[in-house]
Amino acid sequence: MCVTCGCSDGAQTTYTRPGQDNEQGMNHHSHTHVLEDGTVITHTHETDHTPSHPTTSSANHHHPTTPPPHHPTPSAQTHAQTHGTTLTLEQNLLAKNDLIAAQNRGWLKGRNITALNLVSSPGAGKTTLLVKTIEDLKTEIPITVIEGDQETANDAERIAATGCPAIQVNTGTGCHLEAAMIERGLDSLQPPPNSLVLIENVGNLVCPALFDLGEKAKVAMLSVTEGDDKPIKYPHMFRASQVMVLTKTDLLPYVNFDVQRCVDYALQVNPDLQIFQVSVTTGAGLTDWYAWLRSTIGW
């Protein structure tokens, strides 16, 4: 089990193709291309499920039953060792991810490709905003999309319906995308120079804050149906992001959501956060969102 977030490292992944039953128990990573005609092509890569980091087992540690007087008690010593091991494993995991993320960033920068990492809790409206953005800007800006979900290719199929190249990365029990997944996605998609790559992360406001993917910026999305205190309940995500997009503002008359309180909380966590309030349904705020996208393209 990953000590950073609790994801299961060796879990099997299930892949879903339109019109077919799920294929259970395939020990592969899956990357699914969705073509313009709706065809889904899944590429699988064999995975070595041997943990890449050492595990901790009490059988591997032997402590004297009577420690010298200057040593801590066994319980305190065990606690210290466990704590130290956990920190080491987490640091090693993130260091490996950060190295690949740096390689991704260099690859993107060398081609003048801007990648944005869209993060939110499930149901905040990431895919809906992506579809609308692609429909409105695709003749102006070349866009490709990497979709992250635990299961299904549903979101990638929605993106493909716009004519935008997309790839689906299913993480199984994993709760976030990692830099290595983006590396393989970019290799498969081969986005053109001077373009925009939009990464839709797995719906989760915790773990994606820790994992750099090589993006230029994180965009935290929050819908008005979720509660105006989200920025202070999940401060690490909003602190790690450069932009917050408040979505579904057309529902404000029907929900108990204080926009100003939410904005104040967000700026309390991250005073440099840029904030956009949008509604895909009415089109409100989209002009400002598109202006920011145009301004952020390029390194």
C-alpha atoms as a PDB file:
ATOM      1  CA  MET A   1       0.000   0.000   0.000  1.00  0.00           C
ATOM      2  CA  CYS A   2       1.299   3.448  -0.882  1.00  0.00           C
ATOM      3  CA  VAL A   3       2.205   5.208   2.363  1.00  0.00           C
ATOM      4  CA  THR A   4       1.605   8.610   0.817  1.00  0.00           C
ATOM      5  CA  CYS A   5      -2.081   8.248   0.062  1.00  0.00           C
ATOM      6  CA  GLY A   6      -3.211   4.679   0.709  1.00  0.00           C
ATOM      7  CA  CYS A   7      -3.470   3.566  -2.935  1.00  0.00           C
ATOM      8  CA  SER A   8      -2.941  -0.122  -3.433  1.00  0.00           C
ATOM      9  CA  ASP A   9       0.243  -0.644  -5.450  1.00  0.00           C
ATOM     10  CA  GLY A  10      -0.430  -4.192  -6.594  1.00  0.00           C
ATOM     11  CA  ALA A  11      -4.149  -4.049  -7.285  1.00  0.00           C
ATOM     12  CA  GLN A  12      -5.504  -5.428 -10.527  1.00  0.00           C
ATOM     13  CA  THR A  13      -7.025  -3.060 -13.017  1.00  0.00           C
ATOM     14  CA  THR A  14     -10.296  -3.526 -14.889  1.00  0.00           C
ATOM     15  CA  TYR A  15     -10.696  -2.133 -18.397  1.00  0.00           C
ATOM     16  CA  THR A  16     -13.962  -1.246 -20.067  1.00  0.00           C
ATOM     17  CA  ARG A  17     -14.534  -1.044 -23.820  1.00  0.00           C
ATOM     18  CA  PRO A  18     -17.821   0.146 -25.317  1.00  0.00           C
ATOM     19  CA  GLY A  19     -20.067  -2.792 -26.216  1.00  0.00           C
ATOM     20  CA  GLN A  20     -17.947  -5.365 -24.408  1.00  0.00           C
ATOM     21  CA  ASP A  21     -17.938  -6.886 -20.951  1.00  0.00           C
ATOM     22  CA  ASN A  22     -15.297  -5.770 -18.509  1.00  0.00           C
ATOM     23  CA  GLU A  23     -12.064  -7.682 -18.654  1.00  0.00           C
ATOM     24  CA  GLN A  24     -11.143  -8.631 -15.114  1.00  0.00           C
ATOM     25  CA  GLY A  25      -7.773  -9.151 -13.587  1.00  0.00           C
ATOM     26  CA  MET A  26      -5.481  -7.919 -16.323  1.00  0.00           C
ATOM     27  CA  ASN A  27      -2.117  -7.028 -14.837  1.00  0.00           C
ATOM     28  CA  HIS A  28      -1.479  -4.108 -17.127  1.00  0.00           C
ATOM     29  CA  HIS A  29      -1.694  -0.363 -17.211  1.00  0.00           C
ATOM     30  CA  SER A  30      -4.301   0.691 -19.764  1.00  0.00           C
ATOM     31  CA  HIS A  31      -4.296   3.704 -22.071  1.00  0.00           C
ATOM     32  CA  THR A  32      -7.343   4.086 -24.268  1.00  0.00           C
ATOM     33  CA  HIS A  33      -7.426   6.195 -27.440  1.00  0.00           C
ATOM     34  CA  VAL A  34     -10.873   7.450 -28.370  1.00  0.00           C
ATOM     35  CA  LEU A  35     -11.049   8.274 -32.052  1.00  0.00           C
ATOM     36  CA  GLU A  36     -13.280  10.869 -33.686  1.00  0.00           C
ATOM     37  CA  ASP A  37     -15.779   8.217 -34.704  1.00  0.00           C
ATOM     38  CA  GLY A  38     -16.086   7.022 -31.114  1.00  0.00           C
ATOM     39  CA  THR A  39     -13.856   3.965 -31.507  1.00  0.00           C
ATOM     40  CA  VAL A  40     -11.971   3.137 -28.330  1.00  0.00           C
ATOM     41  CA  ILE A  41      -8.514   1.595 -28.715  1.00  0.00           C
ATOM     42  CA  THR A  42      -6.908   0.365 -25.503  1.00  0.00           C
ATOM     43  CA  HIS A  43      -3.157  -0.061 -25.280  1.00  0.00           C
ATOM     44  CA  THR A  44      -1.974  -2.175 -22.377  1.00  0.00           C
ATOM     45  CA  HIS A  45       1.440  -2.253 -20.800  1.00  0.00           C
ATOM     46  CA  GLU A  46       2.617  -5.090 -18.625  1.00  0.00           C
ATOM     47  CA  THR A  47       3.326  -4.005 -15.094  1.00  0.00           C
ATOM     48  CA  ASP A  48       5.747  -5.445 -12.602  1.00  0.00           C
ATOM     49  CA  HIS A  49       3.747  -5.461  -9.394  1.00  0.00           C
ATOM     50  CA  THR A  50       6.837  -5.955  -7.275  1.00  0.00           C
ATOM     51  CA  PRO A  51       6.861  -2.897  -5.023  1.00  0.00           C
ATOM     52  CA  SER A  52       9.427  -0.352  -6.149  1.00  0.00           C
ATOM     53  CA  HIS A  53      10.050   0.649  -2.556  1.00  0.00           C
ATOM     54  CA  PRO A  54      10.884  -1.537   0.432  1.00  0.00           C
ATOM     55  CA  THR A  55       8.089  -2.628   2.714  1.00  0.00           C
ATOM     56  CA  THR A  56       8.246  -2.579   6.456  1.00  0.00           C
ATOM     57  CA  SER A  57       7.799  -5.856   8.334  1.00  0.00           C
ATOM     58  CA  SER A  58       8.145  -6.424  12.029  1.00  0.00           C
ATOM     59  CA  ALA A  59       9.850  -9.735  11.217  1.00  0.00           C
ATOM     60  CA  ASN A  60      12.783  -7.874   9.717  1.00  0.00           C
ATOM     61  CA  HIS A  61      13.491  -5.872  12.837  1.00  0.00           C
ATOM     62  CA  HIS A  62      14.938  -7.294  16.044  1.00  0.00           C
ATOM     63  CA  HIS A  63      15.079  -5.173  19.146  1.00  0.00           C
ATOM     64  CA  PRO A  64      16.565  -6.264  22.461  1.00  0.00           C
ATOM     65  CA  THR A  65      13.991  -6.988  25.125  1.00  0.00           C
ATOM     66  CA  THR A  66      16.017  -5.005  27.651  1.00  0.00           C
ATOM     67  CA  PRO A  67      17.509  -1.934  26.026  1.00  0.00           C
ATOM     68  CA  PRO A  68      20.503  -0.174  27.571  1.00  0.00           C
ATOM     69  CA  PRO A  69      19.560   2.569  29.999  1.00  0.00           C
ATOM     70  CA  HIS A  70      20.396   5.352  27.551  1.00  0.00           C
ATOM     71  CA  HIS A  71      18.130   3.901  24.841  1.00  0.00           C
ATOM     72  CA  PRO A  72      14.419   4.734  24.536  1.00  0.00           C
ATOM     73  CA  THR A  73      11.924   2.094  25.588  1.00  0.00           C
ATOM     74  CA  PRO A  74      11.056  -0.522  22.948  1.00  0.00           C
ATOM     75  CA  SER A  75       7.644   1.015  22.264  1.00  0.00           C
ATOM     76  CA  ALA A  76       9.120   4.479  21.780  1.00  0.00           C
ATOM     77  CA  GLN A  77      11.946   3.108  19.646  1.00  0.00           C
ATOM     78  CA  THR A  78       9.534   1.126  17.478  1.00  0.00           C
ATOM     79  CA  HIS A  79       7.338   4.196  17.049  1.00  0.00           C
ATOM     80  CA  ALA A  80      10.327   6.301  16.026  1.00  0.00           C
ATOM     81  CA  GLN A  81      11.541   3.709  13.546  1.00  0.00           C
ATOM     82  CA  THR A  82       8.086   3.261  12.018  1.00  0.00           C
ATOM     83  CA  HIS A  83       7.649   7.009  11.730  1.00  0.00           C
ATOM     84  CA  GLY A  84      11.059   7.406  10.135  1.00  0.00           C
ATOM     85  CA  THR A  85      10.463   4.557   7.690  1.00  0.00           C
ATOM     86  CA  THR A  86       7.134   6.039   6.636  1.00  0.00           C
ATOM     87  CA  LEU A  87       8.735   9.391   5.926  1.00  0.00           C
ATOM     88  CA  THR A  88      11.522   7.737   3.951  1.00  0.00           C
ATOM     89  CA  LEU A  89       9.105   5.744   1.791  1.00  0.00           C
ATOM     90  CA  GLU A  90       6.999   8.823   1.104  1.00  0.00           C
ATOM     91  CA  GLN A  91      10.056  10.870   0.185  1.00  0.00           C
ATOM     92  CA  ASN A  92      11.339   8.148  -2.134  1.00  0.00           C
ATOM     93  CA  LEU A  93       7.957   7.803  -3.852  1.00  0.00           C
ATOM     94  CA  LEU A  94       7.576  11.533  -4.411  1.00  0.00           C
ATOM     95  CA  ALA A  95      11.213  11.918  -5.486  1.00  0.00           C
ATOM     96  CA  LYS A  96      10.745   9.327  -8.218  1.00  0.00           C
ATOM     97  CA  ASN A  97       7.537  11.004  -9.357  1.00  0.00           C
ATOM     98  CA  ASP A  98       9.144  14.470  -9.313  1.00  0.00           C
ATOM     99  CA  LEU A  99      12.029  13.264 -11.470  1.00  0.00           C
ATOM    100  CA  ILE A 100       9.645  12.030 -14.175  1.00  0.00           C
ATOM    101  CA  ALA A 101       7.561  15.201 -13.802  1.00  0.00           C
ATOM    102  CA  ALA A 102      10.665  17.287 -14.459  1.00  0.00           C
ATOM    103  CA  GLN A 103      11.322  15.235 -17.588  1.00  0.00           C
ATOM    104  CA  ASN A 104       7.720  15.774 -18.698  1.00  0.00           C
ATOM    105  CA  ARG A 105       8.070  19.515 -18.104  1.00  0.00           C
ATOM    106  CA  GLY A 106      11.238  19.643 -20.175  1.00  0.00           C
ATOM    107  CA  TRP A 107       9.598  17.672 -22.987  1.00  0.00           C
ATOM    108  CA  LEU A 108       6.617  20.027 -22.999  1.00  0.00           C
ATOM    109  CA  LYS A 109       8.682  23.184 -22.737  1.00  0.00           C
ATOM    110  CA  GLY A 110      10.899  22.100 -25.615  1.00  0.00           C
ATOM    111  CA  ARG A 111       7.796  21.928 -27.820  1.00  0.00           C
ATOM    112  CA  ASN A 112       6.129  25.017 -26.347  1.00  0.00           C
ATOM    113  CA  ILE A 113       3.224  22.895 -25.134  1.00  0.00           C
ATOM    114  CA  THR A 114       1.282  24.104 -22.115  1.00  0.00           C
ATOM    115  CA  ALA A 115      -0.141  21.417 -19.827  1.00  0.00           C
ATOM    116  CA  LEU A 116      -2.754  22.221 -17.189  1.00  0.00           C
ATOM    117  CA  ASN A 117      -3.730  19.827 -14.402  1.00  0.00           C
ATOM    118  CA  LEU A 118      -7.452  20.103 -13.603  1.00  0.00           C
ATOM    119  CA  VAL A 119      -8.218  18.868 -10.108  1.00  0.00           C
ATOM    120  CA  SER A 120     -11.445  18.715  -8.105  1.00  0.00           C
ATOM    121  CA  SER A 121     -13.714  16.446  -6.128  1.00  0.00           C
ATOM    122  CA  PRO A 122     -15.959  14.144  -8.202  1.00  0.00           C
ATOM    123  CA  GLY A 123     -18.825  15.902  -9.937  1.00  0.00           C
ATOM    124  CA  ALA A 124     -17.428  19.438  -9.878  1.00  0.00           C
ATOM    125  CA  GLY A 125     -17.892  19.745 -13.635  1.00  0.00           C
ATOM    126  CA  LYS A 126     -14.370  19.220 -15.000  1.00  0.00           C
ATOM    127  CA  THR A 127     -15.421  17.257 -18.068  1.00  0.00           C
ATOM    128  CA  THR A 128     -18.354  19.554 -18.817  1.00  0.00           C
ATOM    129  CA  LEU A 129     -16.096  22.613 -18.744  1.00  0.00           C
ATOM    130  CA  LEU A 130     -13.508  20.796 -20.858  1.00  0.00           C
ATOM    131  CA  VAL A 131     -16.063  19.900 -23.525  1.00  0.00           C
ATOM    132  CA  LYS A 132     -17.349  23.481 -23.696  1.00  0.00           C
ATOM    133  CA  THR A 133     -13.817  24.898 -23.776  1.00  0.00           C
ATOM    134  CA  ILE A 134     -12.787  22.579 -26.595  1.00  0.00           C
ATOM    135  CA  GLU A 135     -15.913  23.344 -28.614  1.00  0.00           C
ATOM    136  CA  ASP A 136     -15.319  27.093 -28.327  1.00  0.00           C
ATOM    137  CA  LEU A 137     -11.529  27.176 -28.810  1.00  0.00           C
ATOM    138  CA  LYS A 138     -10.616  24.173 -30.980  1.00  0.00           C
ATOM    139  CA  THR A 139     -10.382  26.221 -34.187  1.00  0.00           C
ATOM    140  CA  GLU A 140      -8.085  28.671 -32.419  1.00  0.00           C
ATOM    141  CA  ILE A 141      -5.917  26.476 -30.188  1.00  0.00           C
ATOM    142  CA  PRO A 142      -4.805  22.866 -30.802  1.00  0.00           C
ATOM    143  CA  ILE A 143      -5.969  20.923 -27.730  1.00  0.00           C
ATOM    144  CA  THR A 144      -5.384  17.364 -26.570  1.00  0.00           C
ATOM    145  CA  VAL A 145      -6.772  15.783 -23.407  1.00  0.00           C
ATOM    146  CA  ILE A 146      -5.544  13.182 -20.931  1.00  0.00           C
ATOM    147  CA  GLU A 147      -8.468  11.806 -18.923  1.00  0.00           C
ATOM    148  CA  GLY A 148      -7.931  10.214 -15.522  1.00  0.00           C
ATOM    149  CA  ASP A 149     -10.539   8.043 -13.829  1.00  0.00           C
ATOM    150  CA  GLN A 150     -10.550   4.916 -11.738  1.00  0.00           C
ATOM    151  CA  GLU A 151     -12.811   3.155 -14.221  1.00  0.00           C
ATOM    152  CA  THR A 152     -14.577   3.536 -17.612  1.00  0.00           C
ATOM    153  CA  ALA A 153     -13.773   5.551 -20.721  1.00  0.00           C
ATOM    154  CA  ASN A 154     -16.930   7.648 -20.393  1.00  0.00           C
ATOM    155  CA  ASP A 155     -15.207  11.015 -20.088  1.00  0.00           C
ATOM    156  CA  ALA A 156     -12.768  10.335 -22.923  1.00  0.00           C
ATOM    157  CA  GLU A 157     -15.724   9.418 -25.140  1.00  0.00           C
ATOM    158  CA  ARG A 158     -17.353  12.768 -24.324  1.00  0.00           C
ATOM    159  CA  ILE A 159     -14.132  14.541 -25.228  1.00  0.00           C
ATOM    160  CA  ALA A 160     -13.738  12.530 -28.446  1.00  0.00           C
ATOM    161  CA  ALA A 161     -17.212  13.596 -29.542  1.00  0.00           C
ATOM    162  CA  THR A 162     -15.809  17.125 -29.924  1.00  0.00           C
ATOM    163  CA  GLY A 163     -13.156  15.867 -32.354  1.00  0.00           C
ATOM    164  CA  CYS A 164     -10.381  16.448 -29.816  1.00  0.00           C
ATOM    165  CA  PRO A 165      -7.650  13.777 -29.491  1.00  0.00           C
ATOM    166  CA  ALA A 166      -7.970  12.119 -26.084  1.00  0.00           C
ATOM    167  CA  ILE A 167      -6.556   9.252 -24.090  1.00  0.00           C
ATOM    168  CA  GLN A 168      -8.146   7.587 -21.053  1.00  0.00           C
ATOM    169  CA  VAL A 169      -5.955   6.503 -18.157  1.00  0.00           C
ATOM    170  CA  ASN A 170      -7.773   4.220 -15.712  1.00  0.00           C
ATOM    171  CA  THR A 171      -6.053   4.002 -12.331  1.00  0.00           C
ATOM    172  CA  GLY A 172      -8.070   1.147 -10.830  1.00  0.00           C
ATOM    173  CA  THR A 173      -7.886   1.649  -7.071  1.00  0.00           C
ATOM    174  CA  GLY A 174      -5.449   4.541  -7.496  1.00  0.00           C
ATOM    175  CA  CYS A 175      -6.766   7.914  -6.400  1.00  0.00           C
ATOM    176  CA  HIS A 176      -4.587  10.202  -8.520  1.00  0.00           C
ATOM    177  CA  LEU A 177      -2.595  10.457 -11.721  1.00  0.00           C
ATOM    178  CA  GLU A 178       1.177  10.223 -11.538  1.00  0.00           C
ATOM    179  CA  ALA A 179       3.910  11.666 -13.729  1.00  0.00           C
ATOM    180  CA  ALA A 180       4.724   8.294 -15.335  1.00  0.00           C
ATOM    181  CA  MET A 181       1.123   7.974 -16.522  1.00  0.00           C
ATOM    182  CA  ILE A 182       1.321  11.400 -18.139  1.00  0.00           C
ATOM    183  CA  GLU A 183       4.639  10.484 -19.741  1.00  0.00           C
ATOM    184  CA  ARG A 184       3.026   7.492 -21.450  1.00  0.00           C
ATOM    185  CA  GLY A 185      -0.043   9.530 -22.362  1.00  0.00           C
ATOM    186  CA  LEU A 186       2.047  12.211 -24.028  1.00  0.00           C
ATOM    187  CA  ASP A 187       4.036   9.570 -25.878  1.00  0.00           C
ATOM    188  CA  SER A 188       0.815   8.081 -27.257  1.00  0.00           C
ATOM    189  CA  LEU A 189      -0.916  11.368 -28.099  1.00  0.00           C
ATOM    190  CA  GLN A 190       2.136  13.244 -29.442  1.00  0.00           C
ATOM    191  CA  PRO A 191       0.484  16.678 -29.055  1.00  0.00           C
ATOM    192  CA  PRO A 192       1.688  19.189 -31.654  1.00  0.00           C
ATOM    193  CA  PRO A 193       4.038  22.062 -30.798  1.00  0.00           C
ATOM    194  CA  ASN A 194       2.477  25.328 -29.612  1.00  0.00           C
ATOM    195  CA  SER A 195      -0.594  23.551 -28.245  1.00  0.00           C
ATOM    196  CA  LEU A 196      -2.536  23.002 -25.041  1.00  0.00           C
ATOM    197  CA  VAL A 197      -2.750  19.737 -23.101  1.00  0.00           C
ATOM    198  CA  LEU A 198      -5.574  19.549 -20.578  1.00  0.00           C
ATOM    199  CA  ILE A 199      -5.200  16.845 -17.930  1.00  0.00           C
ATOM    200  CA  GLU A 200      -8.337  15.877 -16.043  1.00  0.00           C
ATOM    201  CA  ASN A 201      -7.152  14.270 -12.827  1.00  0.00           C
ATOM    202  CA  VAL A 202      -9.022  11.660 -10.821  1.00  0.00           C
ATOM    203  CA  GLY A 203     -11.761  13.268  -8.725  1.00  0.00           C
ATOM    204  CA  ASN A 204     -10.002  13.822  -5.391  1.00  0.00           C
ATOM    205  CA  LEU A 205      -9.040  16.963  -3.466  1.00  0.00           C
ATOM    206  CA  VAL A 206      -6.294  15.318  -1.425  1.00  0.00           C
ATOM    207  CA  CYS A 207      -3.636  13.194  -3.148  1.00  0.00           C
ATOM    208  CA  PRO A 208      -3.375  15.027  -6.507  1.00  0.00           C
ATOM    209  CA  ALA A 209      -2.021  18.013  -4.574  1.00  0.00           C
ATOM    210  CA  LEU A 210       1.127  16.009  -3.811  1.00  0.00           C
ATOM    211  CA  PHE A 211       1.891  14.681  -7.279  1.00  0.00           C
ATOM    212  CA  ASP A 212       3.538  16.964  -9.822  1.00  0.00           C
ATOM    213  CA  LEU A 213       2.748  15.787 -13.354  1.00  0.00           C
ATOM    214  CA  GLY A 214       4.962  18.248 -15.217  1.00  0.00           C
ATOM    215  CA  GLU A 215       2.104  20.709 -15.719  1.00  0.00           C
ATOM    216  CA  LYS A 216       2.534  24.451 -15.952  1.00  0.00           C
ATOM    217  CA  ALA A 217      -0.295  25.044 -13.474  1.00  0.00           C
ATOM    218  CA  LYS A 218      -2.886  23.265 -11.371  1.00  0.00           C
ATOM    219  CA  VAL A 219      -6.469  24.440 -11.806  1.00  0.00           C
ATOM    220  CA  ALA A 220      -8.647  23.631  -8.786  1.00  0.00           C
ATOM    221  CA  MET A 221     -12.326  23.421  -9.614  1.00  0.00           C
ATOM    222  CA  LEU A 222     -15.124  23.774  -7.075  1.00  0.00           C
ATOM    223  CA  SER A 223     -18.854  23.714  -7.736  1.00  0.00           C
ATOM    224  CA  VAL A 224     -21.404  25.740  -5.784  1.00  0.00           C
ATOM    225  CA  THR A 225     -23.129  22.496  -4.799  1.00  0.00           C
ATOM    226  CA  GLU A 226     -20.164  21.390  -2.681  1.00  0.00           C
ATOM    227  CA  GLY A 227     -20.008  23.924   0.150  1.00  0.00           C
ATOM    228  CA  ASP A 228     -18.249  27.272   0.436  1.00  0.00           C
ATOM    229  CA  ASP A 229     -15.739  26.043   3.023  1.00  0.00           C
ATOM    230  CA  LYS A 230     -13.934  23.594   0.696  1.00  0.00           C
ATOM    231  CA  PRO A 231     -10.790  25.782   0.356  1.00  0.00           C
ATOM    232  CA  ILE A 232     -10.107  25.678   4.112  1.00  0.00           C
ATOM    233  CA  LYS A 233     -11.146  22.035   4.476  1.00  0.00           C
ATOM    234  CA  TYR A 234      -8.705  20.996   1.727  1.00  0.00           C
ATOM    235  CA  PRO A 235      -6.071  23.748   1.938  1.00  0.00           C
ATOM    236  CA  HIS A 236      -3.191  21.807   0.405  1.00  0.00           C
ATOM    237  CA  MET A 237      -4.946  21.506  -2.944  1.00  0.00           C
ATOM    238  CA  PHE A 238      -5.870  25.173  -3.162  1.00  0.00           C
ATOM    239  CA  ARG A 239      -2.411  26.196  -1.964  1.00  0.00           C
ATOM    240  CA  ALA A 240      -0.813  24.063  -4.681  1.00  0.00           C
ATOM    241  CA  SER A 241      -3.044  25.526  -7.405  1.00  0.00           C
ATOM    242  CA  GLN A 242      -2.586  28.722  -9.374  1.00  0.00           C
ATOM    243  CA  VAL A 243      -6.242  29.023 -10.404  1.00  0.00           C
ATOM    244  CA  MET A 244      -9.614  28.265  -8.842  1.00  0.00           C
ATOM    245  CA  VAL A 245     -12.661  27.898 -11.083  1.00  0.00           C
ATOM    246  CA  LEU A 246     -16.003  28.148  -9.302  1.00  0.00           C
ATOM    247  CA  THR A 247     -18.456  26.185 -11.450  1.00  0.00           C
ATOM    248  CA  LYS A 248     -22.235  25.766 -11.803  1.00  0.00           C
ATOM    249  CA  THR A 249     -22.886  29.370 -10.724  1.00  0.00           C
ATOM    250  CA  ASP A 250     -26.285  29.197 -12.422  1.00  0.00           C
ATOM    251  CA  LEU A 251     -27.378  27.050  -9.449  1.00  0.00           C
ATOM    252  CA  LEU A 252     -26.631  29.733  -6.861  1.00  0.00           C
ATOM    253  CA  PRO A 253     -30.307  30.685  -6.418  1.00  0.00           C
ATOM    254  CA  TYR A 254     -31.066  27.101  -5.398  1.00  0.00           C
ATOM    255  CA  VAL A 255     -28.211  26.262  -3.018  1.00  0.00           C
ATOM    256  CA  ASN A 256     -26.908  27.593   0.263  1.00  0.00           C
ATOM    257  CA  PHE A 257     -23.533  28.824  -0.951  1.00  0.00           C
ATOM    258  CA  ASP A 258     -21.839  32.112  -0.008  1.00  0.00           C
ATOM    259  CA  VAL A 259     -19.596  33.076  -2.932  1.00  0.00           C
ATOM    260  CA  GLN A 260     -17.769  35.822  -1.061  1.00  0.00           C
ATOM    261  CA  ARG A 261     -17.056  33.530   1.880  1.00  0.00           C
ATOM    262  CA  CYS A 262     -15.669  30.904  -0.480  1.00  0.00           C
ATOM    263  CA  VAL A 263     -13.467  33.454  -2.238  1.00  0.00           C
ATOM    264  CA  ASP A 264     -12.240  34.813   1.098  1.00  0.00           C
ATOM    265  CA  TYR A 265     -11.379  31.318   2.302  1.00  0.00           C
ATOM    266  CA  ALA A 266      -9.534  30.559  -0.940  1.00  0.00           C
ATOM    267  CA  LEU A 267      -7.474  33.743  -0.767  1.00  0.00           C
ATOM    268  CA  GLN A 268      -6.787  33.087   2.911  1.00  0.00           C
ATOM    269  CA  VAL A 269      -5.178  29.809   1.892  1.00  0.00           C
ATOM    270  CA  ASN A 270      -3.508  31.173  -1.257  1.00  0.00           C
ATOM    271  CA  PRO A 271      -3.415  34.991  -1.676  1.00  0.00           C
ATOM    272  CA  ASP A 272      -2.065  34.617  -5.238  1.00  0.00           C
ATOM    273  CA  LEU A 273      -4.918  32.429  -6.457  1.00  0.00           C
ATOM    274  CA  GLN A 274      -6.689  33.610  -9.609  1.00  0.00           C
ATOM    275  CA  ILE A 275     -10.412  32.967  -9.372  1.00  0.00           C
ATOM    276  CA  PHE A 276     -13.008  32.562 -12.121  1.00  0.00           C
ATOM    277  CA  GLN A 277     -16.740  32.104 -11.630  1.00  0.00           C
ATOM    278  CA  VAL A 278     -18.334  30.258 -14.537  1.00  0.00           C
ATOM    279  CA  SER A 279     -21.464  28.542 -15.729  1.00  0.00           C
ATOM    280  CA  VAL A 280     -21.323  26.288 -18.761  1.00  0.00           C
ATOM    281  CA  THR A 281     -25.126  26.342 -18.862  1.00  0.00           C
ATOM    282  CA  THR A 282     -25.450  30.132 -19.222  1.00  0.00           C
ATOM    283  CA  GLY A 283     -21.966  30.942 -20.521  1.00  0.00           C
ATOM    284  CA  ALA A 284     -21.312  33.316 -17.630  1.00  0.00           C
ATOM    285  CA  GLY A 285     -17.612  33.853 -16.901  1.00  0.00           C
ATOM    286  CA  LEU A 286     -16.349  31.761 -19.812  1.00  0.00           C
ATOM    287  CA  THR A 287     -14.878  34.778 -21.602  1.00  0.00           C
ATOM    288  CA  ASP A 288     -12.557  35.447 -18.661  1.00  0.00           C
ATOM    289  CA  TRP A 289     -11.635  31.757 -18.416  1.00  0.00           C
ATOM    290  CA  TYR A 290     -10.766  31.644 -22.115  1.00  0.00           C
ATOM    291  CA  ALA A 291      -8.732  34.842 -21.846  1.00  0.00           C
ATOM    292  CA  TRP A 292      -6.662  33.271 -19.090  1.00  0.00           C
ATOM    293  CA  LEU A 293      -6.123  30.114 -21.150  1.00  0.00           C
ATOM    294  CA  ARG A 294      -4.859  32.202 -24.063  1.00  0.00           C
ATOM    295  CA  SER A 295      -2.538  34.145 -21.798  1.00  0.00           C
ATOM    296  CA  THR A 296      -1.029  31.058 -20.185  1.00  0.00           C
ATOM    297  CA  ILE A 297      -0.138  29.260 -23.416  1.00  0.00           C
ATOM    298  CA  GLY A 298       3.583  29.192 -24.019  1.00  0.00           C
ATOM    299  CA  TRP A 299       6.582  29.116 -21.733  1.00  0.00           C
END
